[in-house]
Amino acid sequence: MISEQPTSKFLEVVCSKCKNEQIIFNKSSKTIKCVVCDNVLAEPTGGMSEIKAKIIKVHG
Protein backbone atom coordinates (compact mmCIF):
# COMPACT_ATOMS: atom_id res chain seq x y z
CA MET A 1 0.00 0.00 0.00
CA ILE A 2 1.46 3.34 -1.06
CA SER A 3 0.42 6.39 0.89
CA GLU A 4 1.04 9.99 -0.09
CA GLN A 5 3.47 12.09 1.91
CA PRO A 6 1.97 15.16 3.58
CA THR A 7 2.59 18.39 1.67
CA SER A 8 2.44 20.62 4.74
CA LYS A 9 5.73 21.81 6.21
CA PHE A 10 7.10 23.96 9.00
CA LEU A 11 9.24 26.84 7.76
CA GLU A 12 11.97 28.67 9.60
CA VAL A 13 11.71 32.29 8.50
CA VAL A 14 13.45 35.55 9.33
CA CYS A 15 11.47 38.74 9.85
CA SER A 16 12.45 41.45 7.34
CA LYS A 17 11.86 44.19 9.92
CA CYS A 18 13.65 43.00 13.10
CA LYS A 19 15.58 39.90 11.84
CA ASN A 20 13.91 37.62 14.40
CA GLU A 21 13.95 33.93 13.40
CA GLN A 22 10.67 32.09 13.88
CA ILE A 23 9.14 28.74 12.86
CA ILE A 24 5.74 28.95 11.13
CA PHE A 25 3.32 26.50 9.45
CA ASN A 26 3.04 26.81 5.67
CA LYS A 27 -0.72 26.12 5.55
CA SER A 28 -1.92 28.37 8.35
CA SER A 29 -5.55 29.50 8.36
CA LYS A 30 -4.68 32.68 10.29
CA THR A 31 -2.33 35.61 9.74
CA ILE A 32 1.06 34.92 11.34
CA LYS A 33 2.91 37.86 12.88
CA CYS A 34 6.42 38.22 14.25
CA VAL A 35 6.42 37.69 18.02
CA VAL A 36 8.94 40.52 18.49
CA CYS A 37 7.77 43.39 16.25
CA ASP A 38 4.26 42.31 15.08
CA ASN A 39 5.27 42.40 11.39
CA VAL A 40 3.16 40.09 9.16
CA LEU A 41 5.15 36.96 8.20
CA ALA A 42 2.42 34.99 6.40
CA GLU A 43 -1.21 35.41 5.35
CA PRO A 44 -3.78 32.67 4.64
CA THR A 45 -4.93 32.14 1.04
CA GLY A 46 -7.26 29.14 1.36
CA GLY A 47 -4.47 26.60 0.89
CA MET A 48 -0.80 27.38 1.15
CA SER A 49 -0.10 30.56 3.09
CA GLU A 50 1.43 33.53 1.30
CA ILE A 51 4.85 33.75 2.97
CA LYS A 52 6.03 37.35 3.27
CA ALA A 53 9.27 36.63 5.15
CA LYS A 54 12.52 35.10 3.91
CA ILE A 55 12.54 31.30 4.30
CA ILE A 56 15.84 30.08 5.72
CA LYS A 57 15.01 26.41 6.38
CA VAL A 58 12.24 23.89 5.66
CA HIS A 59 11.38 21.32 8.36
CA GLY A 60 9.52 18.09 7.63
PDB file of N, CA and C in Angstrom:
ATOM      1  N   MET A   1       0.836  -1.174   0.000  1.00  0.00           N
ATOM      2  CA  MET A   1       0.000   0.000   0.000  1.00  0.00           C
ATOM      3  C   MET A   1       0.889   1.248   0.000  1.00  0.00           C
ATOM      4  N   ILE A   2       0.683   2.109  -0.956  1.00  0.00           N
ATOM      5  CA  ILE A   2       1.458   3.342  -1.064  1.00  0.00           C
ATOM      6  C   ILE A   2       0.606   4.497  -0.558  1.00  0.00           C
ATOM      7  N   SER A   3       1.153   5.223   0.385  1.00  0.00           N
ATOM      8  CA  SER A   3       0.425   6.393   0.891  1.00  0.00           C
ATOM      9  C   SER A   3       1.181   7.662   0.507  1.00  0.00           C
ATOM     10  N   GLU A   4       0.434   8.723   0.288  1.00  0.00           N
ATOM     11  CA  GLU A   4       1.043   9.991  -0.089  1.00  0.00           C
ATOM     12  C   GLU A   4       1.691  10.660   1.119  1.00  0.00           C
ATOM     13  N   GLN A   5       2.792  11.323   0.870  1.00  0.00           N
ATOM     14  CA  GLN A   5       3.465  12.086   1.913  1.00  0.00           C
ATOM     15  C   GLN A   5       2.709  13.396   2.122  1.00  0.00           C
ATOM     16  N   PRO A   6       2.635  13.877   3.349  1.00  0.00           N
ATOM     17  CA  PRO A   6       1.965  15.162   3.575  1.00  0.00           C
ATOM     18  C   PRO A   6       2.715  16.298   2.871  1.00  0.00           C
ATOM     19  N   THR A   7       1.971  17.263   2.368  1.00  0.00           N
ATOM     20  CA  THR A   7       2.590  18.394   1.673  1.00  0.00           C
ATOM     21  C   THR A   7       2.797  19.589   2.594  1.00  0.00           C
ATOM     22  N   SER A   8       2.270  19.506   3.806  1.00  0.00           N
ATOM     23  CA  SER A   8       2.441  20.617   4.742  1.00  0.00           C
ATOM     24  C   SER A   8       3.822  20.554   5.389  1.00  0.00           C
ATOM     25  N   LYS A   9       4.385  21.719   5.648  1.00  0.00           N
ATOM     26  CA  LYS A   9       5.734  21.813   6.211  1.00  0.00           C
ATOM     27  C   LYS A   9       5.778  22.926   7.251  1.00  0.00           C
ATOM     28  N   PHE A  10       6.780  22.854   8.106  1.00  0.00           N
ATOM     29  CA  PHE A  10       7.096  23.956   9.003  1.00  0.00           C
ATOM     30  C   PHE A  10       8.277  24.695   8.388  1.00  0.00           C
ATOM     31  N   LEU A  11       8.214  26.015   8.387  1.00  0.00           N
ATOM     32  CA  LEU A  11       9.239  26.836   7.764  1.00  0.00           C
ATOM     33  C   LEU A  11       9.923  27.698   8.814  1.00  0.00           C
ATOM     34  N   GLU A  12      11.236  27.737   8.750  1.00  0.00           N
ATOM     35  CA  GLU A  12      11.970  28.666   9.603  1.00  0.00           C
ATOM     36  C   GLU A  12      12.181  29.920   8.768  1.00  0.00           C
ATOM     37  N   VAL A  13      11.656  31.040   9.245  1.00  0.00           N
ATOM     38  CA  VAL A  13      11.713  32.291   8.496  1.00  0.00           C
ATOM     39  C   VAL A  13      12.403  33.363   9.329  1.00  0.00           C
ATOM     40  N   VAL A  14      12.849  34.407   8.641  1.00  0.00           N
ATOM     41  CA  VAL A  14      13.453  35.547   9.329  1.00  0.00           C
ATOM     42  C   VAL A  14      12.636  36.790   8.982  1.00  0.00           C
ATOM     43  N   CYS A  15      12.263  37.525  10.010  1.00  0.00           N
ATOM     44  CA  CYS A  15      11.469  38.741   9.849  1.00  0.00           C
ATOM     45  C   CYS A  15      12.305  39.798   9.125  1.00  0.00           C
ATOM     46  N   SER A  16      11.721  40.433   8.109  1.00  0.00           N
ATOM     47  CA  SER A  16      12.446  41.453   7.345  1.00  0.00           C
ATOM     48  C   SER A  16      12.630  42.748   8.130  1.00  0.00           C
ATOM     49  N   LYS A  17      11.813  42.940   9.147  1.00  0.00           N
ATOM     50  CA  LYS A  17      11.857  44.186   9.918  1.00  0.00           C
ATOM     51  C   LYS A  17      12.856  44.127  11.082  1.00  0.00           C
ATOM     52  N   CYS A  18      12.800  43.059  11.894  1.00  0.00           N
ATOM     53  CA  CYS A  18      13.649  42.999  13.100  1.00  0.00           C
ATOM     54  C   CYS A  18      14.670  41.857  13.075  1.00  0.00           C
ATOM     55  N   LYS A  19      14.642  41.026  12.022  1.00  0.00           N
ATOM     56  CA  LYS A  19      15.585  39.904  11.842  1.00  0.00           C
ATOM     57  C   LYS A  19      15.382  38.765  12.837  1.00  0.00           C
ATOM     58  N   ASN A  20      14.231  38.718  13.499  1.00  0.00           N
ATOM     59  CA  ASN A  20      13.911  37.615  14.403  1.00  0.00           C
ATOM     60  C   ASN A  20      13.668  36.348  13.586  1.00  0.00           C
ATOM     61  N   GLU A  21      14.197  35.217  14.043  1.00  0.00           N
ATOM     62  CA  GLU A  21      13.949  33.930  13.396  1.00  0.00           C
ATOM     63  C   GLU A  21      12.800  33.245  14.110  1.00  0.00           C
ATOM     64  N   GLN A  22      11.879  32.679  13.322  1.00  0.00           N
ATOM     65  CA  GLN A  22      10.666  32.091  13.882  1.00  0.00           C
ATOM     66  C   GLN A  22      10.237  30.917  13.007  1.00  0.00           C
ATOM     67  N   ILE A  23       9.653  29.887  13.611  1.00  0.00           N
ATOM     68  CA  ILE A  23       9.140  28.741  12.863  1.00  0.00           C
ATOM     69  C   ILE A  23       7.634  28.909  12.705  1.00  0.00           C
ATOM     70  N   ILE A  24       7.163  28.783  11.438  1.00  0.00           N
ATOM     71  CA  ILE A  24       5.743  28.948  11.133  1.00  0.00           C
ATOM     72  C   ILE A  24       5.262  27.763  10.302  1.00  0.00           C
ATOM     73  N   PHE A  25       3.947  27.574  10.228  1.00  0.00           N
ATOM     74  CA  PHE A  25       3.323  26.504   9.453  1.00  0.00           C
ATOM     75  C   PHE A  25       2.968  27.051   8.078  1.00  0.00           C
ATOM     76  N   ASN A  26       3.248  26.287   7.014  1.00  0.00           N
ATOM     77  CA  ASN A  26       3.040  26.815   5.668  1.00  0.00           C
ATOM     78  C   ASN A  26       1.593  26.773   5.184  1.00  0.00           C
ATOM     79  N   LYS A  27       0.686  26.167   5.944  1.00  0.00           N
ATOM     80  CA  LYS A  27      -0.724  26.119   5.552  1.00  0.00           C
ATOM     81  C   LYS A  27      -1.612  26.686   6.655  1.00  0.00           C
ATOM     82  N   SER A  28      -1.179  27.765   7.242  1.00  0.00           N
ATOM     83  CA  SER A  28      -1.917  28.369   8.347  1.00  0.00           C
ATOM     84  C   SER A  28      -3.225  28.992   7.863  1.00  0.00           C
ATOM     85  N   SER A  29      -4.251  28.902   8.694  1.00  0.00           N
ATOM     86  CA  SER A  29      -5.547  29.501   8.363  1.00  0.00           C
ATOM     87  C   SER A  29      -5.695  30.890   8.985  1.00  0.00           C
ATOM     88  N   LYS A  30      -4.661  31.351   9.667  1.00  0.00           N
ATOM     89  CA  LYS A  30      -4.683  32.684  10.291  1.00  0.00           C
ATOM     90  C   LYS A  30      -3.419  33.451   9.917  1.00  0.00           C
ATOM     91  N   THR A  31      -3.500  34.769   9.986  1.00  0.00           N
ATOM     92  CA  THR A  31      -2.332  35.611   9.735  1.00  0.00           C
ATOM     93  C   THR A  31      -1.289  35.347  10.820  1.00  0.00           C
ATOM     94  N   ILE A  32      -0.037  35.168  10.401  1.00  0.00           N
ATOM     95  CA  ILE A  32       1.058  34.918  11.336  1.00  0.00           C
ATOM     96  C   ILE A  32       1.906  36.177  11.417  1.00  0.00           C
ATOM     97  N   LYS A  33       2.114  36.656  12.654  1.00  0.00           N
ATOM     98  CA  LYS A  33       2.911  37.860  12.875  1.00  0.00           C
ATOM     99  C   LYS A  33       4.167  37.523  13.668  1.00  0.00           C
ATOM    100  N   CYS A  34       5.181  38.355  13.495  1.00  0.00           N
ATOM    101  CA  CYS A  34       6.421  38.223  14.255  1.00  0.00           C
ATOM    102  C   CYS A  34       6.118  38.438  15.734  1.00  0.00           C
ATOM    103  N   VAL A  35       6.670  37.580  16.584  1.00  0.00           N
ATOM    104  CA  VAL A  35       6.418  37.694  18.022  1.00  0.00           C
ATOM    105  C   VAL A  35       7.164  38.875  18.648  1.00  0.00           C
ATOM    106  N   VAL A  36       8.155  39.409  17.953  1.00  0.00           N
ATOM    107  CA  VAL A  36       8.943  40.519  18.487  1.00  0.00           C
ATOM    108  C   VAL A  36       8.369  41.876  18.060  1.00  0.00           C
ATOM    109  N   CYS A  37       8.152  42.066  16.747  1.00  0.00           N
ATOM    110  CA  CYS A  37       7.773  43.393  16.248  1.00  0.00           C
ATOM    111  C   CYS A  37       6.370  43.459  15.645  1.00  0.00           C
ATOM    112  N   ASP A  38       5.639  42.354  15.594  1.00  0.00           N
ATOM    113  CA  ASP A  38       4.263  42.312  15.083  1.00  0.00           C
ATOM    114  C   ASP A  38       4.163  42.476  13.564  1.00  0.00           C
ATOM    115  N   ASN A  39       5.268  42.342  12.847  1.00  0.00           N
ATOM    116  CA  ASN A  39       5.270  42.405  11.388  1.00  0.00           C
ATOM    117  C   ASN A  39       4.605  41.136  10.837  1.00  0.00           C
ATOM    118  N   VAL A  40       3.836  41.244   9.746  1.00  0.00           N
ATOM    119  CA  VAL A  40       3.161  40.087   9.156  1.00  0.00           C
ATOM    120  C   VAL A  40       4.187  39.213   8.438  1.00  0.00           C
ATOM    121  N   LEU A  41       4.230  37.919   8.820  1.00  0.00           N
ATOM    122  CA  LEU A  41       5.151  36.964   8.205  1.00  0.00           C
ATOM    123  C   LEU A  41       4.463  36.115   7.148  1.00  0.00           C
ATOM    124  N   ALA A  42       3.163  35.822   7.349  1.00  0.00           N
ATOM    125  CA  ALA A  42       2.418  34.992   6.401  1.00  0.00           C
ATOM    126  C   ALA A  42       0.930  35.300   6.520  1.00  0.00           C
ATOM    127  N   GLU A  43       0.230  35.186   5.373  1.00  0.00           N
ATOM    128  CA  GLU A  43      -1.210  35.408   5.351  1.00  0.00           C
ATOM    129  C   GLU A  43      -1.889  34.202   4.713  1.00  0.00           C
ATOM    130  N   PRO A  44      -3.072  33.818   5.208  1.00  0.00           N
ATOM    131  CA  PRO A  44      -3.782  32.669   4.640  1.00  0.00           C
ATOM    132  C   PRO A  44      -4.330  32.988   3.253  1.00  0.00           C
ATOM    133  N   THR A  45      -4.392  31.954   2.396  1.00  0.00           N
ATOM    134  CA  THR A  45      -4.930  32.141   1.044  1.00  0.00           C
ATOM    135  C   THR A  45      -5.973  31.086   0.700  1.00  0.00           C
ATOM    136  N   GLY A  46      -6.314  30.216   1.634  1.00  0.00           N
ATOM    137  CA  GLY A  46      -7.258  29.141   1.363  1.00  0.00           C
ATOM    138  C   GLY A  46      -6.565  27.806   1.166  1.00  0.00           C
ATOM    139  N   GLY A  47      -5.276  27.814   1.034  1.00  0.00           N
ATOM    140  CA  GLY A  47      -4.471  26.601   0.890  1.00  0.00           C
ATOM    141  C   GLY A  47      -3.124  26.881   1.524  1.00  0.00           C
ATOM    142  N   MET A  48      -2.120  26.994   0.670  1.00  0.00           N
ATOM    143  CA  MET A  48      -0.796  27.375   1.155  1.00  0.00           C
ATOM    144  C   MET A  48      -0.826  28.842   1.550  1.00  0.00           C
ATOM    145  N   SER A  49      -0.172  29.166   2.651  1.00  0.00           N
ATOM    146  CA  SER A  49      -0.099  30.562   3.087  1.00  0.00           C
ATOM    147  C   SER A  49       0.815  31.354   2.164  1.00  0.00           C
ATOM    148  N   GLU A  50       0.541  32.645   2.038  1.00  0.00           N
ATOM    149  CA  GLU A  50       1.434  33.532   1.303  1.00  0.00           C
ATOM    150  C   GLU A  50       2.522  33.970   2.279  1.00  0.00           C
ATOM    151  N   ILE A  51       3.737  33.472   2.064  1.00  0.00           N
ATOM    152  CA  ILE A  51       4.852  33.747   2.967  1.00  0.00           C
ATOM    153  C   ILE A  51       5.464  35.093   2.584  1.00  0.00           C
ATOM    154  N   LYS A  52       5.516  36.010   3.522  1.00  0.00           N
ATOM    155  CA  LYS A  52       6.032  37.354   3.266  1.00  0.00           C
ATOM    156  C   LYS A  52       7.427  37.552   3.851  1.00  0.00           C
ATOM    157  N   ALA A  53       7.940  36.564   4.551  1.00  0.00           N
ATOM    158  CA  ALA A  53       9.273  36.631   5.153  1.00  0.00           C
ATOM    159  C   ALA A  53      10.225  35.738   4.359  1.00  0.00           C
ATOM    160  N   LYS A  54      11.510  35.916   4.584  1.00  0.00           N
ATOM    161  CA  LYS A  54      12.520  35.097   3.913  1.00  0.00           C
ATOM    162  C   LYS A  54      12.590  33.731   4.585  1.00  0.00           C
ATOM    163  N   ILE A  55      12.448  32.671   3.788  1.00  0.00           N
ATOM    164  CA  ILE A  55      12.537  31.299   4.298  1.00  0.00           C
ATOM    165  C   ILE A  55      14.012  30.919   4.382  1.00  0.00           C
ATOM    166  N   ILE A  56      14.439  30.477   5.570  1.00  0.00           N
ATOM    167  CA  ILE A  56      15.841  30.081   5.720  1.00  0.00           C
ATOM    168  C   ILE A  56      16.011  28.572   5.877  1.00  0.00           C
ATOM    169  N   LYS A  57      14.923  27.866   6.231  1.00  0.00           N
ATOM    170  CA  LYS A  57      15.012  26.412   6.378  1.00  0.00           C
ATOM    171  C   LYS A  57      13.615  25.810   6.329  1.00  0.00           C
ATOM    172  N   VAL A  58      13.506  24.617   5.728  1.00  0.00           N
ATOM    173  CA  VAL A  58      12.238  23.891   5.663  1.00  0.00           C
ATOM    174  C   VAL A  58      12.358  22.653   6.541  1.00  0.00           C
ATOM    175  N   HIS A  59      11.404  22.465   7.445  1.00  0.00           N
ATOM    176  CA  HIS A  59      11.385  21.317   8.355  1.00  0.00           C
ATOM    177  C   HIS A  59      10.253  20.377   7.952  1.00  0.00           C
ATOM    178  N   GLY A  60      10.557  19.086   7.859  1.00  0.00           N
ATOM    179  CA  GLY A  60       9.524  18.086   7.629  1.00  0.00           C
ATOM    180  C   GLY A  60       9.259  17.851   6.210  1.00  0.00           C
TER     181      GLY A  60
END
